[in-house]
Amino acid sequence: MRIEFIGTGNAHGTPTPGCGCRVCREAQINLERRRRAPCLAVSTSDNSATLVIDAGDPAINSWLERPQNIGVLLSHFHPGHYHALLAHRRSNGKTRLLCPPDRPGIETITKRTKTFEIEELSPYRQIDIAPFSITPVLLNHSVITYGYCIEADGHRLAYLCDTCGLPPQTTQHLQDWHPGTLIIDCNQHPKSPKPTHNTPNDALGIHRSTGARRSLLTHVGCSVDAWLHHRPKSFPKSVAVARDGMVVEIDSPASRSKSKNAYV
């Protein structure tokens, strides 16, 4: 599999409107320091099939138009994760949108566009969208939120965005499933924790508790970027901070990055 991080920021992105911190000031003049709202694409190594995960930034729309796109996985119905879908008006067929059973959120999508075939998923129940096998898992957030365990061609990836720690059943599922790579929410500064998002310490705890070979941190807020700037050795080599445009190939026991922005 191949992961392409399209957006690695929180719902506001970086620079954050109205924020005058050093990170946001730098991002205003340095494109490499910017972060879009969360969205990424997971593809097969031959690029014959792609899953889009979350849709917080309009940049995702070019991926939705590609013939190899076979579906969208939505973690939850907060605007920062589905906003870009509302402007999507594809006329040459419908796109599968797989999501939690959140009726008000689903109605928001269906009232604005008829583009998507919506499928409500059940937690811990595997579905197959060839060549991917997908199992939703519950996360700790303010609305019903799913992470996704994705397997293709023997490689296993778990997407765990918008959570503070993990429910015990999800931790157990991941320990039994043995993921090779985790993508983990890391939005909150350690001094201002919230019950809906991970601090760096929370994210590191998930990495260690699940036994994953590698973890990539996403949904990163400007305060976390500032905190990490002064602590460049906060994580072991098996944990990296993702950036927009980062591409990671999951093709061997040592996944490699192909992005100059990578911290791997």
C-alpha atoms as a PDB file:
ATOM      1  CA  MET A   1       0.000   0.000   0.000  1.00  0.00           C
ATOM      2  CA  ARG A   2       0.933   3.629  -0.399  1.00  0.00           C
ATOM      3  CA  ILE A   3      -0.218   6.480   1.870  1.00  0.00           C
ATOM      4  CA  GLU A   4      -0.347  10.066   0.613  1.00  0.00           C
ATOM      5  CA  PHE A   5      -1.031  12.693   3.263  1.00  0.00           C
ATOM      6  CA  ILE A   6      -3.058  15.455   1.630  1.00  0.00           C
ATOM      7  CA  GLY A   7      -3.902  17.302   4.856  1.00  0.00           C
ATOM      8  CA  THR A   8      -2.259  16.702   8.255  1.00  0.00           C
ATOM      9  CA  GLY A   9      -3.583  19.643  10.276  1.00  0.00           C
ATOM     10  CA  ASN A  10      -6.577  20.019  12.508  1.00  0.00           C
ATOM     11  CA  ALA A  11      -9.926  21.351  11.314  1.00  0.00           C
ATOM     12  CA  HIS A  12      -8.573  24.935  11.156  1.00  0.00           C
ATOM     13  CA  GLY A  13      -5.351  24.061   9.368  1.00  0.00           C
ATOM     14  CA  THR A  14      -2.063  25.938   9.765  1.00  0.00           C
ATOM     15  CA  PRO A  15      -1.825  28.903   9.655  1.00  0.00           C
ATOM     16  CA  THR A  16      -4.884  29.046  11.874  1.00  0.00           C
ATOM     17  CA  PRO A  17      -7.117  32.074  11.182  1.00  0.00           C
ATOM     18  CA  GLY A  18      -6.660  34.657  13.906  1.00  0.00           C
ATOM     19  CA  CYS A  19      -3.643  32.943  15.477  1.00  0.00           C
ATOM     20  CA  GLY A  20      -0.426  34.921  15.734  1.00  0.00           C
ATOM     21  CA  CYS A  21       1.855  32.218  17.136  1.00  0.00           C
ATOM     22  CA  ARG A  22       5.315  31.658  15.666  1.00  0.00           C
ATOM     23  CA  VAL A  23       4.240  28.501  13.831  1.00  0.00           C
ATOM     24  CA  CYS A  24       1.311  30.230  12.127  1.00  0.00           C
ATOM     25  CA  ARG A  25       3.445  33.259  11.212  1.00  0.00           C
ATOM     26  CA  GLU A  26       6.036  30.989   9.627  1.00  0.00           C
ATOM     27  CA  ALA A  27       3.352  29.070   7.751  1.00  0.00           C
ATOM     28  CA  GLN A  28       2.080  32.291   6.188  1.00  0.00           C
ATOM     29  CA  ILE A  29       5.359  32.693   4.298  1.00  0.00           C
ATOM     30  CA  ASN A  30       6.675  29.122   4.115  1.00  0.00           C
ATOM     31  CA  LEU A  31       4.463  26.716   2.202  1.00  0.00           C
ATOM     32  CA  GLU A  32       6.238  23.684   3.653  1.00  0.00           C
ATOM     33  CA  ARG A  33       5.082  24.660   7.144  1.00  0.00           C
ATOM     34  CA  ARG A  34       1.402  24.771   6.189  1.00  0.00           C
ATOM     35  CA  ARG A  35      -1.098  22.088   7.067  1.00  0.00           C
ATOM     36  CA  ARG A  36      -4.426  21.492   5.381  1.00  0.00           C
ATOM     37  CA  ALA A  37      -7.438  20.077   7.205  1.00  0.00           C
ATOM     38  CA  PRO A  38      -7.310  16.281   7.568  1.00  0.00           C
ATOM     39  CA  CYS A  39      -7.512  14.029   4.520  1.00  0.00           C
ATOM     40  CA  LEU A  40      -5.371  11.337   2.949  1.00  0.00           C
ATOM     41  CA  ALA A  41      -5.405   8.661   0.274  1.00  0.00           C
ATOM     42  CA  VAL A  42      -4.447   4.993   0.577  1.00  0.00           C
ATOM     43  CA  SER A  43      -3.612   3.256  -2.680  1.00  0.00           C
ATOM     44  CA  THR A  44      -2.421  -0.125  -3.875  1.00  0.00           C
ATOM     45  CA  SER A  45       1.218  -0.224  -4.921  1.00  0.00           C
ATOM     46  CA  ASP A  46       0.243  -0.353  -8.610  1.00  0.00           C
ATOM     47  CA  ASN A  47      -2.164   2.586  -8.137  1.00  0.00           C
ATOM     48  CA  SER A  48      -5.080   0.547  -9.470  1.00  0.00           C
ATOM     49  CA  ALA A  49      -7.333   1.291  -6.475  1.00  0.00           C
ATOM     50  CA  THR A  50      -7.491   4.172  -3.985  1.00  0.00           C
ATOM     51  CA  LEU A  51      -9.455   4.869  -0.827  1.00  0.00           C
ATOM     52  CA  VAL A  52      -9.869   8.456   0.322  1.00  0.00           C
ATOM     53  CA  ILE A  53     -10.038   8.876   4.109  1.00  0.00           C
ATOM     54  CA  ASP A  54     -11.742  12.013   5.433  1.00  0.00           C
ATOM     55  CA  ALA A  55     -12.303  15.117   3.346  1.00  0.00           C
ATOM     56  CA  GLY A  56     -11.468  18.256   5.262  1.00  0.00           C
ATOM     57  CA  ASP A  57      -9.823  20.203   2.452  1.00  0.00           C
ATOM     58  CA  PRO A  58     -10.901  20.924  -1.151  1.00  0.00           C
ATOM     59  CA  ALA A  59      -7.618  19.432  -2.350  1.00  0.00           C
ATOM     60  CA  ILE A  60      -9.274  16.041  -1.865  1.00  0.00           C
ATOM     61  CA  ASN A  61     -11.681  16.690  -4.732  1.00  0.00           C
ATOM     62  CA  SER A  62      -9.096  15.939  -7.406  1.00  0.00           C
ATOM     63  CA  TRP A  63      -8.723  12.509  -5.820  1.00  0.00           C
ATOM     64  CA  LEU A  64     -12.469  11.927  -5.855  1.00  0.00           C
ATOM     65  CA  GLU A  65     -12.480  12.468  -9.619  1.00  0.00           C
ATOM     66  CA  ARG A  66      -9.827   9.835 -10.329  1.00  0.00           C
ATOM     67  CA  PRO A  67     -11.056   6.616 -11.927  1.00  0.00           C
ATOM     68  CA  GLN A  68      -9.131   4.476  -9.456  1.00  0.00           C
ATOM     69  CA  ASN A  69     -11.008   5.962  -6.484  1.00  0.00           C
ATOM     70  CA  ILE A  70     -13.257   3.215  -5.112  1.00  0.00           C
ATOM     71  CA  GLY A  71     -14.661   4.925  -2.041  1.00  0.00           C
ATOM     72  CA  VAL A  72     -14.430   7.441   0.796  1.00  0.00           C
ATOM     73  CA  LEU A  73     -14.046   6.442   4.440  1.00  0.00           C
ATOM     74  CA  LEU A  74     -15.389   9.121   6.774  1.00  0.00           C
ATOM     75  CA  SER A  75     -14.292   9.013  10.390  1.00  0.00           C
ATOM     76  CA  HIS A  76     -17.117  11.226  11.702  1.00  0.00           C
ATOM     77  CA  PHE A  77     -19.410  14.104  10.893  1.00  0.00           C
ATOM     78  CA  HIS A  78     -17.510  17.150  12.100  1.00  0.00           C
ATOM     79  CA  PRO A  79     -17.160  19.771   9.324  1.00  0.00           C
ATOM     80  CA  GLY A  80     -13.371  19.623   9.352  1.00  0.00           C
ATOM     81  CA  HIS A  81     -13.612  16.043   8.113  1.00  0.00           C
ATOM     82  CA  TYR A  82     -16.397  16.192   5.535  1.00  0.00           C
ATOM     83  CA  HIS A  83     -16.512  19.837   4.423  1.00  0.00           C
ATOM     84  CA  ALA A  84     -14.950  19.233   0.992  1.00  0.00           C
ATOM     85  CA  LEU A  85     -17.609  16.667   0.091  1.00  0.00           C
ATOM     86  CA  LEU A  86     -20.338  19.320   0.011  1.00  0.00           C
ATOM     87  CA  ALA A  87     -18.890  20.960  -3.080  1.00  0.00           C
ATOM     88  CA  HIS A  88     -18.461  17.702  -4.957  1.00  0.00           C
ATOM     89  CA  ARG A  89     -20.720  17.474  -8.011  1.00  0.00           C
ATOM     90  CA  ARG A  90     -19.511  14.550 -10.053  1.00  0.00           C
ATOM     91  CA  SER A  91     -21.895  13.581 -12.858  1.00  0.00           C
ATOM     92  CA  ASN A  92     -20.348  10.398 -14.219  1.00  0.00           C
ATOM     93  CA  GLY A  93     -21.430   8.059 -11.445  1.00  0.00           C
ATOM     94  CA  LYS A  94     -21.730   7.812  -7.681  1.00  0.00           C
ATOM     95  CA  THR A  95     -18.981   7.394  -5.108  1.00  0.00           C
ATOM     96  CA  ARG A  96     -19.293   5.031  -2.146  1.00  0.00           C
ATOM     97  CA  LEU A  97     -19.208   6.912   1.151  1.00  0.00           C
ATOM     98  CA  LEU A  98     -18.675   4.631   4.142  1.00  0.00           C
ATOM     99  CA  CYS A  99     -19.320   6.204   7.528  1.00  0.00           C
ATOM    100  CA  PRO A 100     -20.637   5.850  11.096  1.00  0.00           C
ATOM    101  CA  PRO A 101     -24.432   5.668  11.607  1.00  0.00           C
ATOM    102  CA  ASP A 102     -24.903   9.363  12.396  1.00  0.00           C
ATOM    103  CA  ARG A 103     -28.248  10.361  10.885  1.00  0.00           C
ATOM    104  CA  PRO A 104     -27.991  14.178  11.289  1.00  0.00           C
ATOM    105  CA  GLY A 105     -24.530  14.109   9.770  1.00  0.00           C
ATOM    106  CA  ILE A 106     -25.610  11.875   6.899  1.00  0.00           C
ATOM    107  CA  GLU A 107     -28.553  14.167   6.158  1.00  0.00           C
ATOM    108  CA  THR A 108     -26.145  17.092   5.891  1.00  0.00           C
ATOM    109  CA  ILE A 109     -24.415  15.290   3.031  1.00  0.00           C
ATOM    110  CA  THR A 110     -27.545  14.038   1.280  1.00  0.00           C
ATOM    111  CA  LYS A 111     -29.242  17.463   1.327  1.00  0.00           C
ATOM    112  CA  ARG A 112     -26.304  19.093  -0.438  1.00  0.00           C
ATOM    113  CA  THR A 113     -25.290  16.472  -2.997  1.00  0.00           C
ATOM    114  CA  LYS A 114     -26.633  13.330  -4.629  1.00  0.00           C
ATOM    115  CA  THR A 115     -23.151  12.182  -5.593  1.00  0.00           C
ATOM    116  CA  PHE A 116     -22.587   9.644  -2.835  1.00  0.00           C
ATOM    117  CA  GLU A 117     -23.916   6.163  -2.152  1.00  0.00           C
ATOM    118  CA  ILE A 118     -23.878   6.179   1.634  1.00  0.00           C
ATOM    119  CA  GLU A 119     -23.212   2.988   3.593  1.00  0.00           C
ATOM    120  CA  GLU A 120     -23.482   3.017   7.372  1.00  0.00           C
ATOM    121  CA  LEU A 121     -20.925   0.713   8.940  1.00  0.00           C
ATOM    122  CA  SER A 122     -20.994  -1.270  12.179  1.00  0.00           C
ATOM    123  CA  PRO A 123     -17.979  -1.257  14.497  1.00  0.00           C
ATOM    124  CA  TYR A 124     -15.676  -4.277  14.458  1.00  0.00           C
ATOM    125  CA  ARG A 125     -17.510  -5.802  11.480  1.00  0.00           C
ATOM    126  CA  GLN A 126     -15.262  -6.303   8.464  1.00  0.00           C
ATOM    127  CA  ILE A 127     -16.319  -5.342   4.965  1.00  0.00           C
ATOM    128  CA  ASP A 128     -14.460  -5.922   1.703  1.00  0.00           C
ATOM    129  CA  ILE A 129     -14.003  -3.385  -1.056  1.00  0.00           C
ATOM    130  CA  ALA A 130     -11.598  -5.242  -3.272  1.00  0.00           C
ATOM    131  CA  PRO A 131      -8.649  -5.198  -2.953  1.00  0.00           C
ATOM    132  CA  PHE A 132      -9.084  -3.727   0.563  1.00  0.00           C
ATOM    133  CA  SER A 133     -10.511  -5.321   3.693  1.00  0.00           C
ATOM    134  CA  ILE A 134     -11.800  -2.687   6.119  1.00  0.00           C
ATOM    135  CA  THR A 135     -12.840  -2.966   9.763  1.00  0.00           C
ATOM    136  CA  PRO A 136     -14.252   0.090  11.563  1.00  0.00           C
ATOM    137  CA  VAL A 137     -13.224   0.505  15.211  1.00  0.00           C
ATOM    138  CA  LEU A 138     -14.633   2.888  17.808  1.00  0.00           C
ATOM    139  CA  LEU A 139     -12.654   5.922  18.971  1.00  0.00           C
ATOM    140  CA  ASN A 140     -13.027   8.322  21.918  1.00  0.00           C
ATOM    141  CA  HIS A 141     -14.519  11.560  20.586  1.00  0.00           C
ATOM    142  CA  SER A 142     -17.466  13.888  21.145  1.00  0.00           C
ATOM    143  CA  VAL A 143     -19.593  12.242  18.422  1.00  0.00           C
ATOM    144  CA  ILE A 144     -19.620   8.661  17.144  1.00  0.00           C
ATOM    145  CA  THR A 145     -16.255   8.320  15.441  1.00  0.00           C
ATOM    146  CA  TYR A 146     -14.602   5.425  13.638  1.00  0.00           C
ATOM    147  CA  GLY A 147     -11.023   4.508  13.082  1.00  0.00           C
ATOM    148  CA  TYR A 148     -10.331   2.111  10.249  1.00  0.00           C
ATOM    149  CA  CYS A 149      -8.199  -1.024  10.072  1.00  0.00           C
ATOM    150  CA  ILE A 150      -7.280  -1.510   6.426  1.00  0.00           C
ATOM    151  CA  GLU A 151      -5.590  -4.535   4.915  1.00  0.00           C
ATOM    152  CA  ALA A 152      -4.432  -5.159   1.351  1.00  0.00           C
ATOM    153  CA  ASP A 153      -1.909  -7.585  -0.069  1.00  0.00           C
ATOM    154  CA  GLY A 154      -0.810  -8.658   3.402  1.00  0.00           C
ATOM    155  CA  HIS A 155      -0.124  -5.130   4.685  1.00  0.00           C
ATOM    156  CA  ARG A 156      -2.041  -3.657   7.612  1.00  0.00           C
ATOM    157  CA  LEU A 157      -2.709   0.004   8.308  1.00  0.00           C
ATOM    158  CA  ALA A 158      -4.877   1.571  11.043  1.00  0.00           C
ATOM    159  CA  TYR A 159      -6.203   5.138  10.833  1.00  0.00           C
ATOM    160  CA  LEU A 160      -7.011   6.522  14.300  1.00  0.00           C
ATOM    161  CA  CYS A 161      -7.886  10.201  13.922  1.00  0.00           C
ATOM    162  CA  ASP A 162      -9.904  12.300  16.392  1.00  0.00           C
ATOM    163  CA  THR A 163      -9.513  10.315  19.565  1.00  0.00           C
ATOM    164  CA  CYS A 164      -8.117  10.642  23.069  1.00  0.00           C
ATOM    165  CA  GLY A 165      -6.620   7.291  23.852  1.00  0.00           C
ATOM    166  CA  LEU A 166      -8.615   4.274  22.698  1.00  0.00           C
ATOM    167  CA  PRO A 167     -11.625   2.345  24.042  1.00  0.00           C
ATOM    168  CA  PRO A 168     -10.486  -0.965  25.589  1.00  0.00           C
ATOM    169  CA  GLN A 169     -12.212  -2.989  22.849  1.00  0.00           C
ATOM    170  CA  THR A 170     -10.332  -1.078  20.147  1.00  0.00           C
ATOM    171  CA  THR A 171      -7.002  -1.521  21.917  1.00  0.00           C
ATOM    172  CA  GLN A 172      -7.657  -5.251  22.182  1.00  0.00           C
ATOM    173  CA  HIS A 173      -8.690  -5.455  18.533  1.00  0.00           C
ATOM    174  CA  LEU A 174      -5.472  -3.770  17.422  1.00  0.00           C
ATOM    175  CA  GLN A 175      -3.325  -5.951  19.665  1.00  0.00           C
ATOM    176  CA  ASP A 176      -4.914  -9.047  18.162  1.00  0.00           C
ATOM    177  CA  TRP A 177      -4.786  -7.668  14.603  1.00  0.00           C
ATOM    178  CA  HIS A 178      -1.068  -6.668  14.693  1.00  0.00           C
ATOM    179  CA  PRO A 179      -1.019  -3.539  12.494  1.00  0.00           C
ATOM    180  CA  GLY A 180       2.218  -2.670  10.750  1.00  0.00           C
ATOM    181  CA  THR A 181       1.505   1.064  10.556  1.00  0.00           C
ATOM    182  CA  LEU A 182      -0.695   3.406  12.605  1.00  0.00           C
ATOM    183  CA  ILE A 183      -1.849   6.899  11.679  1.00  0.00           C
ATOM    184  CA  ILE A 184      -2.647   8.615  14.984  1.00  0.00           C
ATOM    185  CA  ASP A 185      -4.324  11.858  16.033  1.00  0.00           C
ATOM    186  CA  CYS A 186      -1.948  14.278  17.808  1.00  0.00           C
ATOM    187  CA  ASN A 187      -3.787  17.576  18.187  1.00  0.00           C
ATOM    188  CA  GLN A 188      -3.433  18.777  21.777  1.00  0.00           C
ATOM    189  CA  HIS A 189      -0.554  20.467  23.594  1.00  0.00           C
ATOM    190  CA  PRO A 190       0.472  18.446  26.684  1.00  0.00           C
ATOM    191  CA  LYS A 191      -0.418  21.371  28.957  1.00  0.00           C
ATOM    192  CA  SER A 192      -3.942  21.731  27.545  1.00  0.00           C
ATOM    193  CA  PRO A 193      -5.304  18.184  27.195  1.00  0.00           C
ATOM    194  CA  LYS A 194      -8.885  17.553  26.098  1.00  0.00           C
ATOM    195  CA  PRO A 195     -10.978  14.385  26.287  1.00  0.00           C
ATOM    196  CA  THR A 196     -11.451  14.393  22.495  1.00  0.00           C
ATOM    197  CA  HIS A 197      -7.902  14.515  21.084  1.00  0.00           C
ATOM    198  CA  ASN A 198      -4.484  13.062  21.827  1.00  0.00           C
ATOM    199  CA  THR A 199      -1.523  14.905  23.244  1.00  0.00           C
ATOM    200  CA  PRO A 200       1.895  13.675  22.029  1.00  0.00           C
ATOM    201  CA  ASN A 201       2.096  11.491  25.144  1.00  0.00           C
ATOM    202  CA  ASP A 202      -1.333   9.975  24.405  1.00  0.00           C
ATOM    203  CA  ALA A 203      -0.280   9.217  20.828  1.00  0.00           C
ATOM    204  CA  LEU A 204       2.932   7.599  22.004  1.00  0.00           C
ATOM    205  CA  GLY A 205       0.920   5.512  24.462  1.00  0.00           C
ATOM    206  CA  ILE A 206      -1.270   4.199  21.621  1.00  0.00           C
ATOM    207  CA  HIS A 207       1.803   3.349  19.570  1.00  0.00           C
ATOM    208  CA  ARG A 208       3.304   1.358  22.415  1.00  0.00           C
ATOM    209  CA  SER A 209       0.117  -0.347  23.595  1.00  0.00           C
ATOM    210  CA  THR A 210      -0.777  -1.703  20.158  1.00  0.00           C
ATOM    211  CA  GLY A 211       2.667  -3.009  19.286  1.00  0.00           C
ATOM    212  CA  ALA A 212       2.673  -1.322  15.866  1.00  0.00           C
ATOM    213  CA  ARG A 213       5.929  -1.311  13.945  1.00  0.00           C
ATOM    214  CA  ARG A 214       5.553   2.324  12.920  1.00  0.00           C
ATOM    215  CA  SER A 215       3.263   5.260  13.717  1.00  0.00           C
ATOM    216  CA  LEU A 216       2.690   8.498  11.822  1.00  0.00           C
ATOM    217  CA  LEU A 217       1.119  11.430  13.654  1.00  0.00           C
ATOM    218  CA  THR A 218      -1.515  13.590  11.979  1.00  0.00           C
ATOM    219  CA  HIS A 219      -4.265  16.122  12.853  1.00  0.00           C
ATOM    220  CA  VAL A 220      -1.438  18.229  14.279  1.00  0.00           C
ATOM    221  CA  GLY A 221      -2.332  21.646  15.682  1.00  0.00           C
ATOM    222  CA  CYS A 222       0.003  24.653  15.663  1.00  0.00           C
ATOM    223  CA  SER A 223       0.552  24.407  19.430  1.00  0.00           C
ATOM    224  CA  VAL A 224       1.816  20.838  19.010  1.00  0.00           C
ATOM    225  CA  ASP A 225       4.122  21.899  16.166  1.00  0.00           C
ATOM    226  CA  ALA A 226       5.531  24.586  18.452  1.00  0.00           C
ATOM    227  CA  TRP A 227       5.986  22.080  21.293  1.00  0.00           C
ATOM    228  CA  LEU A 228       7.756  19.610  18.995  1.00  0.00           C
ATOM    229  CA  HIS A 229      10.076  22.316  17.640  1.00  0.00           C
ATOM    230  CA  HIS A 230      11.733  22.546  21.057  1.00  0.00           C
ATOM    231  CA  ARG A 231      11.712  18.762  21.583  1.00  0.00           C
ATOM    232  CA  PRO A 232      13.027  17.212  18.349  1.00  0.00           C
ATOM    233  CA  LYS A 233      13.769  13.902  20.082  1.00  0.00           C
ATOM    234  CA  SER A 234      10.404  13.443  21.751  1.00  0.00           C
ATOM    235  CA  PHE A 235       9.636  10.220  19.897  1.00  0.00           C
ATOM    236  CA  PRO A 236      11.493   7.007  19.091  1.00  0.00           C
ATOM    237  CA  LYS A 237      12.545   6.390  15.479  1.00  0.00           C
ATOM    238  CA  SER A 238       9.419   4.291  14.974  1.00  0.00           C
ATOM    239  CA  VAL A 239       7.195   7.378  15.433  1.00  0.00           C
ATOM    240  CA  ALA A 240       7.200  10.266  12.941  1.00  0.00           C
ATOM    241  CA  VAL A 241       5.200  13.446  12.437  1.00  0.00           C
ATOM    242  CA  ALA A 242       3.438  13.476   9.054  1.00  0.00           C
ATOM    243  CA  ARG A 243       3.314  16.547   6.831  1.00  0.00           C
ATOM    244  CA  ASP A 244       1.192  17.542   3.853  1.00  0.00           C
ATOM    245  CA  GLY A 245       2.490  15.907   0.686  1.00  0.00           C
ATOM    246  CA  MET A 246       4.275  13.132   2.542  1.00  0.00           C
ATOM    247  CA  VAL A 247       4.134   9.773   0.750  1.00  0.00           C
ATOM    248  CA  VAL A 248       4.877   6.538   2.568  1.00  0.00           C
ATOM    249  CA  GLU A 249       5.243   3.184   0.864  1.00  0.00           C
ATOM    250  CA  ILE A 250       4.204   0.210   2.971  1.00  0.00           C
ATOM    251  CA  ASP A 251       6.015  -2.441   1.029  1.00  0.00           C
ATOM    252  CA  SER A 252       8.458  -4.057   3.435  1.00  0.00           C
ATOM    253  CA  PRO A 253       9.174  -4.430   7.173  1.00  0.00           C
ATOM    254  CA  ALA A 254      10.860  -1.035   6.947  1.00  0.00           C
ATOM    255  CA  SER A 255       8.367   1.319   5.309  1.00  0.00           C
ATOM    256  CA  ARG A 256      10.133   4.113   3.518  1.00  0.00           C
ATOM    257  CA  SER A 257       9.192   7.696   2.850  1.00  0.00           C
ATOM    258  CA  LYS A 258       9.440   9.434  -0.501  1.00  0.00           C
ATOM    259  CA  SER A 259       8.896  12.997   0.642  1.00  0.00           C
ATOM    260  CA  LYS A 260      11.403  15.732   1.374  1.00  0.00           C
ATOM    261  CA  ASN A 261       9.019  16.818   4.158  1.00  0.00           C
ATOM    262  CA  ALA A 262       9.154  13.466   5.893  1.00  0.00           C
ATOM    263  CA  TYR A 263      10.405  13.119   9.437  1.00  0.00           C
ATOM    264  CA  VAL A 264      10.870   9.359   9.026  1.00  0.00           C
END
